[in-house]
Amino acid sequence: MAITLTERAAAEALRVMKEQNLTDAMVRVGVLGGGCSGFQYRFQFDNNYDPEKDHLYEQHGLKLVVDKKSELFLDGLTIDFYEGLDRRGFTFNNPNAVRTCGCGSSFQV
């Protein structure tokens, strides 16, 4: 699998989906142009899945959708969830990134 979702990240996504009553939603992960380093991560809830354009995975009870073009930049990506005194949110550890911004939401390959 190209992308790994930790149990902690899946649990948080499932918690939010339940809280917002998104019973049939999936998590869509992708790459968009922009950000201070060139590319930025897309992480959102989505109900759309196109088998010709997307790959569908299931990890820890959560459906994860990745468009095939983004998967080229995300091979080996690990998505985790961090909760500490300094910040709270999903984190992206991408071995393909040669440079990232300070906030961790954009990268360069």
PDB file of N, CA and C in Angstrom:
ATOM      1  N   MET A   1       0.836  -1.183   0.000  1.00  0.00           N
ATOM      2  CA  MET A   1       0.000   0.000   0.000  1.00  0.00           C
ATOM      3  C   MET A   1       0.875   1.238   0.000  1.00  0.00           C
ATOM      4  N   ALA A   2       0.469   2.217  -0.725  1.00  0.00           N
ATOM      5  CA  ALA A   2       1.236   3.440  -0.872  1.00  0.00           C
ATOM      6  C   ALA A   2       1.108   4.358   0.339  1.00  0.00           C
ATOM      7  N   ILE A   3      -0.009   4.315   1.035  1.00  0.00           N
ATOM      8  CA  ILE A   3      -0.265   5.226   2.147  1.00  0.00           C
ATOM      9  C   ILE A   3      -0.643   4.433   3.384  1.00  0.00           C
ATOM     10  N   THR A   4      -0.077   4.841   4.526  1.00  0.00           N
ATOM     11  CA  THR A   4      -0.399   4.203   5.795  1.00  0.00           C
ATOM     12  C   THR A   4      -1.118   5.202   6.684  1.00  0.00           C
ATOM     13  N   LEU A   5      -2.226   4.778   7.227  1.00  0.00           N
ATOM     14  CA  LEU A   5      -3.002   5.573   8.168  1.00  0.00           C
ATOM     15  C   LEU A   5      -2.849   4.912   9.530  1.00  0.00           C
ATOM     16  N   THR A   6      -2.357   5.649  10.511  1.00  0.00           N
ATOM     17  CA  THR A   6      -2.183   5.052  11.830  1.00  0.00           C
ATOM     18  C   THR A   6      -3.543   4.837  12.495  1.00  0.00           C
ATOM     19  N   GLU A   7      -3.551   3.972  13.486  1.00  0.00           N
ATOM     20  CA  GLU A   7      -4.796   3.719  14.227  1.00  0.00           C
ATOM     21  C   GLU A   7      -5.298   5.004  14.876  1.00  0.00           C
ATOM     22  N   ARG A   8      -4.380   5.804  15.396  1.00  0.00           N
ATOM     23  CA  ARG A   8      -4.756   7.071  16.045  1.00  0.00           C
ATOM     24  C   ARG A   8      -5.408   8.030  15.046  1.00  0.00           C
ATOM     25  N   ALA A   9      -4.863   8.119  13.831  1.00  0.00           N
ATOM     26  CA  ALA A   9      -5.439   8.992  12.806  1.00  0.00           C
ATOM     27  C   ALA A   9      -6.806   8.480  12.365  1.00  0.00           C
ATOM     28  N   ALA A  10      -6.921   7.177  12.183  1.00  0.00           N
ATOM     29  CA  ALA A  10      -8.219   6.602  11.794  1.00  0.00           C
ATOM     30  C   ALA A  10      -9.255   6.837  12.876  1.00  0.00           C
ATOM     31  N   ALA A  11      -8.882   6.651  14.131  1.00  0.00           N
ATOM     32  CA  ALA A  11      -9.827   6.854  15.235  1.00  0.00           C
ATOM     33  C   ALA A  11     -10.315   8.299  15.280  1.00  0.00           C
ATOM     34  N   GLU A  12      -9.421   9.244  15.061  1.00  0.00           N
ATOM     35  CA  GLU A  12      -9.828  10.655  15.082  1.00  0.00           C
ATOM     36  C   GLU A  12     -10.738  10.978  13.899  1.00  0.00           C
ATOM     37  N   ALA A  13     -10.404  10.481  12.722  1.00  0.00           N
ATOM     38  CA  ALA A  13     -11.250  10.720  11.548  1.00  0.00           C
ATOM     39  C   ALA A  13     -12.634  10.100  11.754  1.00  0.00           C
ATOM     40  N   LEU A  14     -12.683   8.885  12.268  1.00  0.00           N
ATOM     41  CA  LEU A  14     -13.976   8.237  12.537  1.00  0.00           C
ATOM     42  C   LEU A  14     -14.770   8.992  13.591  1.00  0.00           C
ATOM     43  N   ARG A  15     -14.081   9.543  14.587  1.00  0.00           N
ATOM     44  CA  ARG A  15     -14.758  10.329  15.626  1.00  0.00           C
ATOM     45  C   ARG A  15     -15.414  11.574  15.023  1.00  0.00           C
ATOM     46  N   VAL A  16     -14.680  12.265  14.179  1.00  0.00           N
ATOM     47  CA  VAL A  16     -15.207  13.478  13.529  1.00  0.00           C
ATOM     48  C   VAL A  16     -16.365  13.128  12.603  1.00  0.00           C
ATOM     49  N   MET A  17     -16.218  12.034  11.863  1.00  0.00           N
ATOM     50  CA  MET A  17     -17.291  11.616  10.955  1.00  0.00           C
ATOM     51  C   MET A  17     -18.563  11.299  11.728  1.00  0.00           C
ATOM     52  N   LYS A  18     -18.422  10.638  12.854  1.00  0.00           N
ATOM     53  CA  LYS A  18     -19.591  10.319  13.679  1.00  0.00           C
ATOM     54  C   LYS A  18     -20.208  11.594  14.243  1.00  0.00           C
ATOM     55  N   GLU A  19     -19.358  12.492  14.718  1.00  0.00           N
ATOM     56  CA  GLU A  19     -19.817  13.759  15.281  1.00  0.00           C
ATOM     57  C   GLU A  19     -20.580  14.585  14.251  1.00  0.00           C
ATOM     58  N   GLN A  20     -20.146  14.547  13.003  1.00  0.00           N
ATOM     59  CA  GLN A  20     -20.773  15.332  11.935  1.00  0.00           C
ATOM     60  C   GLN A  20     -21.788  14.524  11.136  1.00  0.00           C
ATOM     61  N   ASN A  21     -22.082  13.301  11.599  1.00  0.00           N
ATOM     62  CA  ASN A  21     -23.077  12.433  10.964  1.00  0.00           C
ATOM     63  C   ASN A  21     -22.749  12.161   9.489  1.00  0.00           C
ATOM     64  N   LEU A  22     -21.495  11.864   9.222  1.00  0.00           N
ATOM     65  CA  LEU A  22     -21.025  11.551   7.865  1.00  0.00           C
ATOM     66  C   LEU A  22     -20.903  10.030   7.738  1.00  0.00           C
ATOM     67  N   THR A  23     -22.024   9.356   7.780  1.00  0.00           N
ATOM     68  CA  THR A  23     -22.037   7.897   7.869  1.00  0.00           C
ATOM     69  C   THR A  23     -21.466   7.199   6.640  1.00  0.00           C
ATOM     70  N   ASP A  24     -21.635   7.750   5.454  1.00  0.00           N
ATOM     71  CA  ASP A  24     -21.165   7.099   4.234  1.00  0.00           C
ATOM     72  C   ASP A  24     -19.905   7.736   3.661  1.00  0.00           C
ATOM     73  N   ALA A  25     -19.299   8.650   4.391  1.00  0.00           N
ATOM     74  CA  ALA A  25     -18.147   9.382   3.870  1.00  0.00           C
ATOM     75  C   ALA A  25     -16.873   8.534   3.934  1.00  0.00           C
ATOM     76  N   MET A  26     -15.937   8.927   3.104  1.00  0.00           N
ATOM     77  CA  MET A  26     -14.599   8.356   3.082  1.00  0.00           C
ATOM     78  C   MET A  26     -13.628   9.510   3.317  1.00  0.00           C
ATOM     79  N   VAL A  27     -12.394   9.200   3.610  1.00  0.00           N
ATOM     80  CA  VAL A  27     -11.365  10.226   3.706  1.00  0.00           C
ATOM     81  C   VAL A  27     -10.623  10.259   2.383  1.00  0.00           C
ATOM     82  N   ARG A  28     -10.599  11.432   1.767  1.00  0.00           N
ATOM     83  CA  ARG A  28      -9.874  11.601   0.509  1.00  0.00           C
ATOM     84  C   ARG A  28      -8.543  12.278   0.809  1.00  0.00           C
ATOM     85  N   VAL A  29      -7.480  11.636   0.346  1.00  0.00           N
ATOM     86  CA  VAL A  29      -6.130  12.162   0.509  1.00  0.00           C
ATOM     87  C   VAL A  29      -5.589  12.442  -0.882  1.00  0.00           C
ATOM     88  N   GLY A  30      -4.966  13.594  -1.039  1.00  0.00           N
ATOM     89  CA  GLY A  30      -4.414  13.937  -2.342  1.00  0.00           C
ATOM     90  C   GLY A  30      -3.388  15.043  -2.239  1.00  0.00           C
ATOM     91  N   VAL A  31      -2.966  15.499  -3.393  1.00  0.00           N
ATOM     92  CA  VAL A  31      -1.971  16.553  -3.511  1.00  0.00           C
ATOM     93  C   VAL A  31      -2.551  17.642  -4.403  1.00  0.00           C
ATOM     94  N   LEU A  32      -2.364  18.882  -3.975  1.00  0.00           N
ATOM     95  CA  LEU A  32      -2.759  20.041  -4.766  1.00  0.00           C
ATOM     96  C   LEU A  32      -1.531  20.916  -4.983  1.00  0.00           C
ATOM     97  N   GLY A  33      -1.491  21.604  -6.104  1.00  0.00           N
ATOM     98  CA  GLY A  33      -0.426  22.565  -6.327  1.00  0.00           C
ATOM     99  C   GLY A  33      -0.628  23.759  -5.426  1.00  0.00           C
ATOM    100  N   GLY A  34       0.469  24.312  -4.917  1.00  0.00           N
ATOM    101  CA  GLY A  34       0.372  25.492  -4.073  1.00  0.00           C
ATOM    102  C   GLY A  34       1.089  25.302  -2.759  1.00  0.00           C
ATOM    103  N   GLY A  35       0.833  26.208  -1.848  1.00  0.00           N
ATOM    104  CA  GLY A  35       1.535  26.170  -0.574  1.00  0.00           C
ATOM    105  C   GLY A  35       2.898  26.804  -0.716  1.00  0.00           C
ATOM    106  N   CYS A  36       3.564  26.986   0.384  1.00  0.00           N
ATOM    107  CA  CYS A  36       4.854  27.687   0.334  1.00  0.00           C
ATOM    108  C   CYS A  36       5.994  26.820  -0.193  1.00  0.00           C
ATOM    109  N   SER A  37       5.775  25.501  -0.323  1.00  0.00           N
ATOM    110  CA  SER A  37       6.840  24.628  -0.827  1.00  0.00           C
ATOM    111  C   SER A  37       6.534  24.006  -2.188  1.00  0.00           C
ATOM    112  N   GLY A  38       5.388  24.288  -2.763  1.00  0.00           N
ATOM    113  CA  GLY A  38       5.077  23.778  -4.102  1.00  0.00           C
ATOM    114  C   GLY A  38       3.854  22.898  -4.182  1.00  0.00           C
ATOM    115  N   PHE A  39       3.692  21.975  -3.233  1.00  0.00           N
ATOM    116  CA  PHE A  39       2.521  21.108  -3.172  1.00  0.00           C
ATOM    117  C   PHE A  39       1.948  21.170  -1.771  1.00  0.00           C
ATOM    118  N   GLN A  40       0.659  20.963  -1.677  1.00  0.00           N
ATOM    119  CA  GLN A  40       0.043  20.866  -0.358  1.00  0.00           C
ATOM    120  C   GLN A  40      -0.843  19.634  -0.293  1.00  0.00           C
ATOM    121  N   TYR A  41      -0.982  19.108   0.908  1.00  0.00           N
ATOM    122  CA  TYR A  41      -1.781  17.911   1.118  1.00  0.00           C
ATOM    123  C   TYR A  41      -3.260  18.260   1.138  1.00  0.00           C
ATOM    124  N   ARG A  42      -4.047  17.360   0.590  1.00  0.00           N
ATOM    125  CA  ARG A  42      -5.507  17.471   0.679  1.00  0.00           C
ATOM    126  C   ARG A  42      -5.964  16.314   1.552  1.00  0.00           C
ATOM    127  N   PHE A  43      -6.754  16.644   2.564  1.00  0.00           N
ATOM    128  CA  PHE A  43      -7.280  15.651   3.497  1.00  0.00           C
ATOM    129  C   PHE A  43      -8.683  16.105   3.840  1.00  0.00           C
ATOM    130  N   GLN A  44      -9.678  15.421   3.278  1.00  0.00           N
ATOM    131  CA  GLN A  44     -11.056  15.867   3.459  1.00  0.00           C
ATOM    132  C   GLN A  44     -12.003  14.681   3.418  1.00  0.00           C
ATOM    133  N   PHE A  45     -13.204  14.906   3.893  1.00  0.00           N
ATOM    134  CA  PHE A  45     -14.242  13.880   3.820  1.00  0.00           C
ATOM    135  C   PHE A  45     -14.936  13.994   2.482  1.00  0.00           C
ATOM    136  N   ASP A  46     -15.255  12.855   1.884  1.00  0.00           N
ATOM    137  CA  ASP A  46     -15.810  12.842   0.539  1.00  0.00           C
ATOM    138  C   ASP A  46     -16.731  11.639   0.389  1.00  0.00           C
ATOM    139  N   ASN A  47     -17.752  11.781  -0.430  1.00  0.00           N
ATOM    140  CA  ASN A  47     -18.665  10.676  -0.733  1.00  0.00           C
ATOM    141  C   ASN A  47     -18.454  10.127  -2.130  1.00  0.00           C
ATOM    142  N   ASN A  48     -17.553  10.739  -2.893  1.00  0.00           N
ATOM    143  CA  ASN A  48     -17.351  10.354  -4.285  1.00  0.00           C
ATOM    144  C   ASN A  48     -16.139   9.441  -4.436  1.00  0.00           C
ATOM    145  N   TYR A  49     -16.328   8.414  -5.237  1.00  0.00           N
ATOM    146  CA  TYR A  49     -15.257   7.483  -5.559  1.00  0.00           C
ATOM    147  C   TYR A  49     -15.434   7.055  -7.006  1.00  0.00           C
ATOM    148  N   ASP A  50     -14.400   7.245  -7.815  1.00  0.00           N
ATOM    149  CA  ASP A  50     -14.410   6.855  -9.217  1.00  0.00           C
ATOM    150  C   ASP A  50     -13.313   5.814  -9.417  1.00  0.00           C
ATOM    151  N   PRO A  51     -13.681   4.536  -9.620  1.00  0.00           N
ATOM    152  CA  PRO A  51     -12.669   3.483  -9.730  1.00  0.00           C
ATOM    153  C   PRO A  51     -11.687   3.678 -10.885  1.00  0.00           C
ATOM    154  N   GLU A  52     -12.038   4.493 -11.865  1.00  0.00           N
ATOM    155  CA  GLU A  52     -11.107   4.751 -12.962  1.00  0.00           C
ATOM    156  C   GLU A  52     -10.054   5.789 -12.586  1.00  0.00           C
ATOM    157  N   LYS A  53     -10.377   6.668 -11.636  1.00  0.00           N
ATOM    158  CA  LYS A  53      -9.457   7.739 -11.250  1.00  0.00           C
ATOM    159  C   LYS A  53      -8.871   7.564  -9.855  1.00  0.00           C
ATOM    160  N   ASP A  54      -9.505   6.741  -9.030  1.00  0.00           N
ATOM    161  CA  ASP A  54      -9.134   6.632  -7.624  1.00  0.00           C
ATOM    162  C   ASP A  54      -8.777   5.207  -7.235  1.00  0.00           C
ATOM    163  N   HIS A  55      -7.993   5.105  -6.177  1.00  0.00           N
ATOM    164  CA  HIS A  55      -7.779   3.839  -5.487  1.00  0.00           C
ATOM    165  C   HIS A  55      -8.518   3.929  -4.156  1.00  0.00           C
ATOM    166  N   LEU A  56      -9.138   2.860  -3.766  1.00  0.00           N
ATOM    167  CA  LEU A  56      -9.885   2.803  -2.506  1.00  0.00           C
ATOM    168  C   LEU A  56      -9.208   1.782  -1.601  1.00  0.00           C
ATOM    169  N   TYR A  57      -8.881   2.207  -0.403  1.00  0.00           N
ATOM    170  CA  TYR A  57      -8.259   1.343   0.592  1.00  0.00           C
ATOM    171  C   TYR A  57      -9.102   1.386   1.854  1.00  0.00           C
ATOM    172  N   GLU A  58      -8.953   0.383   2.684  1.00  0.00           N
ATOM    173  CA  GLU A  58      -9.598   0.412   3.996  1.00  0.00           C
ATOM    174  C   GLU A  58      -8.550   0.066   5.037  1.00  0.00           C
ATOM    175  N   GLN A  59      -8.437   0.949   6.015  1.00  0.00           N
ATOM    176  CA  GLN A  59      -7.490   0.747   7.104  1.00  0.00           C
ATOM    177  C   GLN A  59      -8.169   1.105   8.419  1.00  0.00           C
ATOM    178  N   HIS A  60      -8.093   0.221   9.382  1.00  0.00           N
ATOM    179  CA  HIS A  60      -8.625   0.458  10.723  1.00  0.00           C
ATOM    180  C   HIS A  60     -10.093   0.882  10.691  1.00  0.00           C
ATOM    181  N   GLY A  61     -10.860   0.285   9.773  1.00  0.00           N
ATOM    182  CA  GLY A  61     -12.288   0.565   9.683  1.00  0.00           C
ATOM    183  C   GLY A  61     -12.648   1.843   8.955  1.00  0.00           C
ATOM    184  N   LEU A  62     -11.677   2.471   8.330  1.00  0.00           N
ATOM    185  CA  LEU A  62     -11.896   3.732   7.621  1.00  0.00           C
ATOM    186  C   LEU A  62     -11.590   3.547   6.137  1.00  0.00           C
ATOM    187  N   LYS A  63     -12.487   4.029   5.275  1.00  0.00           N
ATOM    188  CA  LYS A  63     -12.238   3.984   3.834  1.00  0.00           C
ATOM    189  C   LYS A  63     -11.417   5.207   3.450  1.00  0.00           C
ATOM    190  N   LEU A  64     -10.334   4.946   2.710  1.00  0.00           N
ATOM    191  CA  LEU A  64      -9.399   5.969   2.291  1.00  0.00           C
ATOM    192  C   LEU A  64      -9.356   5.981   0.769  1.00  0.00           C
ATOM    193  N   VAL A  65      -9.585   7.139   0.168  1.00  0.00           N
ATOM    194  CA  VAL A  65      -9.590   7.285  -1.282  1.00  0.00           C
ATOM    195  C   VAL A  65      -8.428   8.187  -1.689  1.00  0.00           C
ATOM    196  N   VAL A  66      -7.663   7.721  -2.690  1.00  0.00           N
ATOM    197  CA  VAL A  66      -6.524   8.481  -3.189  1.00  0.00           C
ATOM    198  C   VAL A  66      -6.609   8.510  -4.704  1.00  0.00           C
ATOM    199  N   ASP A  67      -6.560   9.714  -5.282  1.00  0.00           N
ATOM    200  CA  ASP A  67      -6.573   9.756  -6.739  1.00  0.00           C
ATOM    201  C   ASP A  67      -5.227   9.265  -7.252  1.00  0.00           C
ATOM    202  N   LYS A  68      -5.250   8.613  -8.406  1.00  0.00           N
ATOM    203  CA  LYS A  68      -4.076   7.931  -8.946  1.00  0.00           C
ATOM    204  C   LYS A  68      -2.911   8.879  -9.232  1.00  0.00           C
ATOM    205  N   LYS A  69      -3.198  10.113  -9.614  1.00  0.00           N
ATOM    206  CA  LYS A  69      -2.120  11.071  -9.878  1.00  0.00           C
ATOM    207  C   LYS A  69      -1.414  11.466  -8.587  1.00  0.00           C
ATOM    208  N   SER A  70      -2.184  11.693  -7.540  1.00  0.00           N
ATOM    209  CA  SER A  70      -1.583  12.070  -6.254  1.00  0.00           C
ATOM    210  C   SER A  70      -0.755  10.948  -5.662  1.00  0.00           C
ATOM    211  N   GLU A  71      -1.143   9.724  -5.935  1.00  0.00           N
ATOM    212  CA  GLU A  71      -0.453   8.589  -5.344  1.00  0.00           C
ATOM    213  C   GLU A  71       1.026   8.549  -5.739  1.00  0.00           C
ATOM    214  N   LEU A  72       1.351   9.115  -6.895  1.00  0.00           N
ATOM    215  CA  LEU A  72       2.746   9.174  -7.327  1.00  0.00           C
ATOM    216  C   LEU A  72       3.594   9.983  -6.352  1.00  0.00           C
ATOM    217  N   PHE A  73       3.021  11.024  -5.741  1.00  0.00           N
ATOM    218  CA  PHE A  73       3.742  11.886  -4.809  1.00  0.00           C
ATOM    219  C   PHE A  73       3.647  11.392  -3.369  1.00  0.00           C
ATOM    220  N   LEU A  74       2.735  10.457  -3.122  1.00  0.00           N
ATOM    221  CA  LEU A  74       2.438  10.052  -1.746  1.00  0.00           C
ATOM    222  C   LEU A  74       2.881   8.632  -1.408  1.00  0.00           C
ATOM    223  N   ASP A  75       3.618   7.992  -2.283  1.00  0.00           N
ATOM    224  CA  ASP A  75       4.052   6.626  -2.033  1.00  0.00           C
ATOM    225  C   ASP A  75       4.902   6.572  -0.767  1.00  0.00           C
ATOM    226  N   GLY A  76       4.460   5.817   0.210  1.00  0.00           N
ATOM    227  CA  GLY A  76       5.173   5.698   1.476  1.00  0.00           C
ATOM    228  C   GLY A  76       4.703   6.659   2.548  1.00  0.00           C
ATOM    229  N   LEU A  77       3.725   7.506   2.240  1.00  0.00           N
ATOM    230  CA  LEU A  77       3.203   8.493   3.187  1.00  0.00           C
ATOM    231  C   LEU A  77       2.585   7.809   4.410  1.00  0.00           C
ATOM    232  N   THR A  78       2.856   8.363   5.589  1.00  0.00           N
ATOM    233  CA  THR A  78       2.197   7.940   6.816  1.00  0.00           C
ATOM    234  C   THR A  78       1.417   9.122   7.370  1.00  0.00           C
ATOM    235  N   ILE A  79       0.133   8.905   7.598  1.00  0.00           N
ATOM    236  CA  ILE A  79      -0.721   9.940   8.186  1.00  0.00           C
ATOM    237  C   ILE A  79      -0.973   9.548   9.632  1.00  0.00           C
ATOM    238  N   ASP A  80      -0.686  10.478  10.539  1.00  0.00           N
ATOM    239  CA  ASP A  80      -0.879  10.248  11.965  1.00  0.00           C
ATOM    240  C   ASP A  80      -1.711  11.402  12.524  1.00  0.00           C
ATOM    241  N   PHE A  81      -2.065  11.287  13.768  1.00  0.00           N
ATOM    242  CA  PHE A  81      -2.779  12.366  14.451  1.00  0.00           C
ATOM    243  C   PHE A  81      -1.997  12.712  15.698  1.00  0.00           C
ATOM    244  N   TYR A  82      -1.692  13.989  15.856  1.00  0.00           N
ATOM    245  CA  TYR A  82      -0.922  14.469  16.994  1.00  0.00           C
ATOM    246  C   TYR A  82      -1.808  15.348  17.864  1.00  0.00           C
ATOM    247  N   GLU A  83      -1.698  15.135  19.169  1.00  0.00           N
ATOM    248  CA  GLU A  83      -2.444  15.968  20.105  1.00  0.00           C
ATOM    249  C   GLU A  83      -1.529  16.292  21.272  1.00  0.00           C
ATOM    250  N   GLY A  84      -1.103  17.530  21.332  1.00  0.00           N
ATOM    251  CA  GLY A  84      -0.198  17.962  22.387  1.00  0.00           C
ATOM    252  C   GLY A  84      -0.537  19.359  22.850  1.00  0.00           C
ATOM    253  N   LEU A  85       0.260  19.879  23.743  1.00  0.00           N
ATOM    254  CA  LEU A  85       0.031  21.233  24.253  1.00  0.00           C
ATOM    255  C   LEU A  85       0.289  22.298  23.207  1.00  0.00           C
ATOM    256  N   ASP A  86       1.204  22.017  22.286  1.00  0.00           N
ATOM    257  CA  ASP A  86       1.596  23.001  21.289  1.00  0.00           C
ATOM    258  C   ASP A  86       0.707  23.023  20.050  1.00  0.00           C
ATOM    259  N   ARG A  87       0.107  21.886  19.714  1.00  0.00           N
ATOM    260  CA  ARG A  87      -0.752  21.836  18.528  1.00  0.00           C
ATOM    261  C   ARG A  87      -1.566  20.551  18.547  1.00  0.00           C
ATOM    262  N   ARG A  88      -2.519  20.483  17.612  1.00  0.00           N
ATOM    263  CA  ARG A  88      -3.387  19.319  17.484  1.00  0.00           C
ATOM    264  C   ARG A  88      -3.774  19.193  16.027  1.00  0.00           C
ATOM    265  N   GLY A  89      -3.642  17.998  15.446  1.00  0.00           N
ATOM    266  CA  GLY A  89      -4.062  17.816  14.068  1.00  0.00           C
ATOM    267  C   GLY A  89      -3.401  16.623  13.408  1.00  0.00           C
ATOM    268  N   PHE A  90      -3.768  16.414  12.163  1.00  0.00           N
ATOM    269  CA  PHE A  90      -3.209  15.323  11.378  1.00  0.00           C
ATOM    270  C   PHE A  90      -1.812  15.725  10.903  1.00  0.00           C
ATOM    271  N   THR A  91      -0.909  14.754  10.897  1.00  0.00           N
ATOM    272  CA  THR A  91       0.452  15.004  10.440  1.00  0.00           C
ATOM    273  C   THR A  91       0.748  14.092   9.254  1.00  0.00           C
ATOM    274  N   PHE A  92       1.626  14.553   8.389  1.00  0.00           N
ATOM    275  CA  PHE A  92       1.976  13.831   7.172  1.00  0.00           C
ATOM    276  C   PHE A  92       3.483  13.613   7.146  1.00  0.00           C
ATOM    277  N   ASN A  93       3.894  12.353   7.138  1.00  0.00           N
ATOM    278  CA  ASN A  93       5.306  12.013   7.037  1.00  0.00           C
ATOM    279  C   ASN A  93       5.515  11.401   5.659  1.00  0.00           C
ATOM    280  N   ASN A  94       6.074  12.204   4.761  1.00  0.00           N
ATOM    281  CA  ASN A  94       6.217  11.809   3.362  1.00  0.00           C
ATOM    282  C   ASN A  94       7.691  11.613   3.029  1.00  0.00           C
ATOM    283  N   PRO A  95       8.120  10.366   2.779  1.00  0.00           N
ATOM    284  CA  PRO A  95       9.530  10.126   2.461  1.00  0.00           C
ATOM    285  C   PRO A  95       9.958  10.701   1.107  1.00  0.00           C
ATOM    286  N   ASN A  96       9.015  11.094   0.276  1.00  0.00           N
ATOM    287  CA  ASN A  96       9.330  11.678  -1.034  1.00  0.00           C
ATOM    288  C   ASN A  96       9.615  13.168  -0.960  1.00  0.00           C
ATOM    289  N   ALA A  97       9.258  13.799   0.137  1.00  0.00           N
ATOM    290  CA  ALA A  97       9.434  15.243   0.273  1.00  0.00           C
ATOM    291  C   ALA A  97      10.905  15.568   0.509  1.00  0.00           C
ATOM    292  N   VAL A  98      11.450  16.421  -0.329  1.00  0.00           N
ATOM    293  CA  VAL A  98      12.833  16.853  -0.143  1.00  0.00           C
ATOM    294  C   VAL A  98      12.900  18.121   0.698  1.00  0.00           C
ATOM    295  N   ARG A  99      11.765  18.810   0.786  1.00  0.00           N
ATOM    296  CA  ARG A  99      11.681  20.023   1.601  1.00  0.00           C
ATOM    297  C   ARG A  99      10.237  20.199   2.030  1.00  0.00           C
ATOM    298  N   THR A 100      10.032  20.640   3.254  1.00  0.00           N
ATOM    299  CA  THR A 100       8.685  20.928   3.745  1.00  0.00           C
ATOM    300  C   THR A 100       8.668  22.311   4.357  1.00  0.00           C
ATOM    301  N   CYS A 101       7.475  22.854   4.500  1.00  0.00           N
ATOM    302  CA  CYS A 101       7.346  24.155   5.140  1.00  0.00           C
ATOM    303  C   CYS A 101       7.310  23.973   6.655  1.00  0.00           C
ATOM    304  N   GLY A 102       7.380  25.069   7.381  1.00  0.00           N
ATOM    305  CA  GLY A 102       7.386  25.009   8.836  1.00  0.00           C
ATOM    306  C   GLY A 102       6.121  24.450   9.440  1.00  0.00           C
ATOM    307  N   CYS A 103       4.975  24.676   8.796  1.00  0.00           N
ATOM    308  CA  CYS A 103       3.704  24.191   9.361  1.00  0.00           C
ATOM    309  C   CYS A 103       3.436  22.736   8.986  1.00  0.00           C
ATOM    310  N   GLY A 104       4.176  22.190   8.032  1.00  0.00           N
ATOM    311  CA  GLY A 104       4.012  20.781   7.654  1.00  0.00           C
ATOM    312  C   GLY A 104       2.876  20.502   6.698  1.00  0.00           C
ATOM    313  N   SER A 105       2.234  21.544   6.165  1.00  0.00           N
ATOM    314  CA  SER A 105       1.108  21.299   5.266  1.00  0.00           C
ATOM    315  C   SER A 105       1.479  21.371   3.791  1.00  0.00           C
ATOM    316  N   SER A 106       2.706  21.756   3.483  1.00  0.00           N
ATOM    317  CA  SER A 106       3.130  21.747   2.090  1.00  0.00           C
ATOM    318  C   SER A 106       4.527  21.150   1.976  1.00  0.00           C
ATOM    319  N   PHE A 107       4.864  20.702   0.755  1.00  0.00           N
ATOM    320  CA  PHE A 107       6.131  20.008   0.542  1.00  0.00           C
ATOM    321  C   PHE A 107       6.594  20.180  -0.880  1.00  0.00           C
ATOM    322  N   GLN A 108       7.849  19.785  -1.102  1.00  0.00           N
ATOM    323  CA  GLN A 108       8.457  19.830  -2.433  1.00  0.00           C
ATOM    324  C   GLN A 108       9.081  18.464  -2.692  1.00  0.00           C
ATOM    325  N   VAL A 109       8.922  17.968  -3.919  1.00  0.00           N
ATOM    326  CA  VAL A 109       9.530  16.683  -4.289  1.00  0.00           C
ATOM    327  C   VAL A 109      10.629  16.890  -5.296  1.00  0.00           C
TER     328      VAL A 109
END
